[in-house]
Every structure is written in C-alpha cells, then in structure tokens.
Amino acid sequence: MNTLSSHVLDTTSGKPVEGIALTLTLPNGDVLTGKTDNDGRFNQWGQKFEAGVYTLRFHSHDYLIAAHGKSFYPHIDIAFELESDGGHYHVPLLISPFGFSSYRGS
C-alpha cells in the first residue's frame, strides 16, 4: 500500500500556498478532497492507496487571482500512476499566474 502527499509553492513569491483546494480522483472513480495547510502541504487523505492511475486536481484560480490578479489556469490536473507497494508518493506543484510544473518528489 502507498501513501500520498503534496506541496504547493508559488514560484513568483517563493512562498508556500495555503488554502488550495485539492480533489483526488481514485482509479475506481471515487473522489477525496483536501486543502493545503499554512505550509502549502497536504497529506491527510485518511487512507493508503492501491496501485492504479490517479488524478490530483489543484483548484488554483482563486489563489492566483487573489495573489497576482491573473490566472491562466482555473485548475491544474496531474495524472500519475502508483505502483504496487511503491511506498510514499509526493506530488509537488510549482505555480505562477502563467505556468506550472510538477515532478515525483520524495
């Protein structure tokens, strides 16, 4: 079984992003929700995860409008695949009003 965490950082300000809503869609179509803490992190999904393809949606629009007055991305979806007994997976998101990037973190 696997665990999952995420971290959102604003590359324009160089600071973590608090309060970004997250929606995790599981391989079976079930949906879990969460919100980043004051350090831009979230790992409180309340369960471990089996192998499969997941989609993590970051609801970025409201934050980007409030922080920068502009948002090209109303949300950012990151699809990824967890392996059987892959351990811990970390999905960080680096955002700015007109760009984003992600990678498999540790």
C-alpha atoms as a PDB file:
ATOM      1  CA  MET A   1       0.000   0.000   0.000  1.00  0.00           C
ATOM      2  CA  ASN A   2       1.093   3.529  -0.774  1.00  0.00           C
ATOM      3  CA  THR A   3       0.880   6.907   0.907  1.00  0.00           C
ATOM      4  CA  LEU A   4       0.454  10.245  -0.847  1.00  0.00           C
ATOM      5  CA  SER A   5       1.327  13.847  -0.054  1.00  0.00           C
ATOM      6  CA  SER A   6       1.501  17.130  -1.929  1.00  0.00           C
ATOM      7  CA  HIS A   7       3.067  20.573  -1.583  1.00  0.00           C
ATOM      8  CA  VAL A   8       2.143  23.770  -3.469  1.00  0.00           C
ATOM      9  CA  LEU A   9       4.687  26.562  -3.897  1.00  0.00           C
ATOM     10  CA  ASP A  10       4.242  29.919  -5.634  1.00  0.00           C
ATOM     11  CA  THR A  11       7.343  30.430  -7.772  1.00  0.00           C
ATOM     12  CA  THR A  12       6.627  34.157  -8.149  1.00  0.00           C
ATOM     13  CA  SER A  13       6.654  34.884  -4.426  1.00  0.00           C
ATOM     14  CA  GLY A  14       8.829  31.942  -3.394  1.00  0.00           C
ATOM     15  CA  LYS A  15       6.301  31.025  -0.703  1.00  0.00           C
ATOM     16  CA  PRO A  16       4.067  28.049   0.084  1.00  0.00           C
ATOM     17  CA  VAL A  17       0.413  28.353  -0.888  1.00  0.00           C
ATOM     18  CA  GLU A  18      -2.109  27.933   1.906  1.00  0.00           C
ATOM     19  CA  GLY A  19      -5.728  27.029   1.252  1.00  0.00           C
ATOM     20  CA  ILE A  20      -5.561  25.467  -2.219  1.00  0.00           C
ATOM     21  CA  ALA A  21      -8.450  23.005  -2.526  1.00  0.00           C
ATOM     22  CA  LEU A  22      -7.454  19.548  -3.753  1.00  0.00           C
ATOM     23  CA  THR A  23      -9.565  16.858  -5.399  1.00  0.00           C
ATOM     24  CA  LEU A  24      -8.115  13.367  -5.761  1.00  0.00           C
ATOM     25  CA  THR A  25      -9.898  11.020  -8.158  1.00  0.00           C
ATOM     26  CA  LEU A  26      -9.182   7.361  -7.419  1.00  0.00           C
ATOM     27  CA  PRO A  27      -8.923   4.631 -10.071  1.00  0.00           C
ATOM     28  CA  ASN A  28     -12.465   3.451  -9.244  1.00  0.00           C
ATOM     29  CA  GLY A  29     -13.887   6.974  -9.710  1.00  0.00           C
ATOM     30  CA  ASP A  30     -14.274   7.788  -6.006  1.00  0.00           C
ATOM     31  CA  VAL A  31     -13.232  11.309  -5.033  1.00  0.00           C
ATOM     32  CA  LEU A  32     -11.384  12.576  -1.940  1.00  0.00           C
ATOM     33  CA  THR A  33     -10.890  16.238  -1.055  1.00  0.00           C
ATOM     34  CA  GLY A  34      -8.480  18.291   1.000  1.00  0.00           C
ATOM     35  CA  LYS A  35      -6.901  21.712   1.390  1.00  0.00           C
ATOM     36  CA  THR A  36      -3.269  22.765   1.761  1.00  0.00           C
ATOM     37  CA  ASP A  37      -2.131  23.880   5.204  1.00  0.00           C
ATOM     38  CA  ASN A  38      -0.196  27.049   6.107  1.00  0.00           C
ATOM     39  CA  ASP A  39       2.999  25.463   4.707  1.00  0.00           C
ATOM     40  CA  GLY A  40       1.275  24.575   1.417  1.00  0.00           C
ATOM     41  CA  ARG A  41       1.221  20.867   2.270  1.00  0.00           C
ATOM     42  CA  PHE A  42      -1.442  18.180   2.411  1.00  0.00           C
ATOM     43  CA  ASN A  43      -1.111  14.519   3.414  1.00  0.00           C
ATOM     44  CA  GLN A  44      -4.301  13.831   5.373  1.00  0.00           C
ATOM     45  CA  TRP A  45      -6.147  11.653   2.859  1.00  0.00           C
ATOM     46  CA  GLY A  46      -7.156   9.262   5.641  1.00  0.00           C
ATOM     47  CA  GLN A  47      -6.213   6.131   3.748  1.00  0.00           C
ATOM     48  CA  LYS A  48      -3.474   4.274   1.922  1.00  0.00           C
ATOM     49  CA  PHE A  49      -3.627   3.772  -1.811  1.00  0.00           C
ATOM     50  CA  GLU A  50      -3.503   0.747  -4.068  1.00  0.00           C
ATOM     51  CA  ALA A  51      -1.825   0.604  -7.464  1.00  0.00           C
ATOM     52  CA  GLY A  52      -3.572   2.465 -10.260  1.00  0.00           C
ATOM     53  CA  VAL A  53      -3.946   5.740 -12.106  1.00  0.00           C
ATOM     54  CA  TYR A  54      -4.988   8.746 -10.028  1.00  0.00           C
ATOM     55  CA  THR A  55      -5.749  12.364 -10.893  1.00  0.00           C
ATOM     56  CA  LEU A  56      -4.959  15.144  -8.450  1.00  0.00           C
ATOM     57  CA  ARG A  57      -6.723  18.435  -9.208  1.00  0.00           C
ATOM     58  CA  PHE A  58      -5.344  21.646  -7.723  1.00  0.00           C
ATOM     59  CA  HIS A  59      -8.027  24.369  -7.675  1.00  0.00           C
ATOM     60  CA  SER A  60      -5.641  27.254  -8.337  1.00  0.00           C
ATOM     61  CA  HIS A  61      -7.831  30.032  -9.789  1.00  0.00           C
ATOM     62  CA  ASP A  62      -8.947  31.809  -6.620  1.00  0.00           C
ATOM     63  CA  TYR A  63      -5.437  31.836  -5.164  1.00  0.00           C
ATOM     64  CA  LEU A  64      -3.819  33.134  -8.342  1.00  0.00           C
ATOM     65  CA  ILE A  65      -6.402  35.903  -8.744  1.00  0.00           C
ATOM     66  CA  ALA A  66      -6.014  36.953  -5.089  1.00  0.00           C
ATOM     67  CA  ALA A  67      -2.211  36.827  -5.122  1.00  0.00           C
ATOM     68  CA  HIS A  68      -1.426  38.045  -8.646  1.00  0.00           C
ATOM     69  CA  GLY A  69      -4.618  39.477 -10.157  1.00  0.00           C
ATOM     70  CA  LYS A  70      -4.417  36.992 -13.042  1.00  0.00           C
ATOM     71  CA  SER A  71      -4.879  33.278 -13.606  1.00  0.00           C
ATOM     72  CA  PHE A  72      -4.477  31.406 -16.865  1.00  0.00           C
ATOM     73  CA  TYR A  73      -5.275  28.121 -15.096  1.00  0.00           C
ATOM     74  CA  PRO A  74      -8.666  27.672 -13.369  1.00  0.00           C
ATOM     75  CA  HIS A  75      -7.346  24.331 -12.135  1.00  0.00           C
ATOM     76  CA  ILE A  76      -4.378  22.059 -12.748  1.00  0.00           C
ATOM     77  CA  ASP A  77      -4.832  18.309 -13.153  1.00  0.00           C
ATOM     78  CA  ILE A  78      -1.917  15.966 -12.626  1.00  0.00           C
ATOM     79  CA  ALA A  79      -2.463  12.330 -13.540  1.00  0.00           C
ATOM     80  CA  PHE A  80       0.007   9.797 -12.175  1.00  0.00           C
ATOM     81  CA  GLU A  81       0.316   6.070 -11.637  1.00  0.00           C
ATOM     82  CA  LEU A  82       1.025   4.405  -8.309  1.00  0.00           C
ATOM     83  CA  GLU A  83       2.725   1.019  -8.350  1.00  0.00           C
ATOM     84  CA  SER A  84       2.001  -1.889  -6.009  1.00  0.00           C
ATOM     85  CA  ASP A  85       3.943  -1.319  -2.799  1.00  0.00           C
ATOM     86  CA  GLY A  86       5.603   1.778  -4.257  1.00  0.00           C
ATOM     87  CA  GLY A  87       5.862   3.327  -0.798  1.00  0.00           C
ATOM     88  CA  HIS A  88       5.416   7.051  -0.387  1.00  0.00           C
ATOM     89  CA  TYR A  89       4.497   9.265  -3.331  1.00  0.00           C
ATOM     90  CA  HIS A  90       4.865  13.039  -3.183  1.00  0.00           C
ATOM     91  CA  VAL A  91       3.304  15.262  -5.873  1.00  0.00           C
ATOM     92  CA  PRO A  92       4.572  18.840  -5.570  1.00  0.00           C
ATOM     93  CA  LEU A  93       3.170  21.683  -7.675  1.00  0.00           C
ATOM     94  CA  LEU A  94       5.070  24.857  -8.514  1.00  0.00           C
ATOM     95  CA  ILE A  95       2.704  27.570  -9.764  1.00  0.00           C
ATOM     96  CA  SER A  96       2.664  31.103 -11.110  1.00  0.00           C
ATOM     97  CA  PRO A  97      -0.091  33.004 -12.935  1.00  0.00           C
ATOM     98  CA  PHE A  98       1.076  31.716 -16.338  1.00  0.00           C
ATOM     99  CA  GLY A  99       2.940  28.489 -15.665  1.00  0.00           C
ATOM    100  CA  PHE A 100       3.260  25.381 -13.530  1.00  0.00           C
ATOM    101  CA  SER A 101       5.431  22.319 -13.118  1.00  0.00           C
ATOM    102  CA  SER A 102       5.379  19.110 -11.134  1.00  0.00           C
ATOM    103  CA  TYR A 103       7.547  16.062 -10.565  1.00  0.00           C
ATOM    104  CA  ARG A 104       7.634  12.978  -8.368  1.00  0.00           C
ATOM    105  CA  GLY A 105       9.094  14.222  -5.116  1.00  0.00           C
ATOM    106  CA  SER A 106      10.214  12.307  -2.074  1.00  0.00           C
END
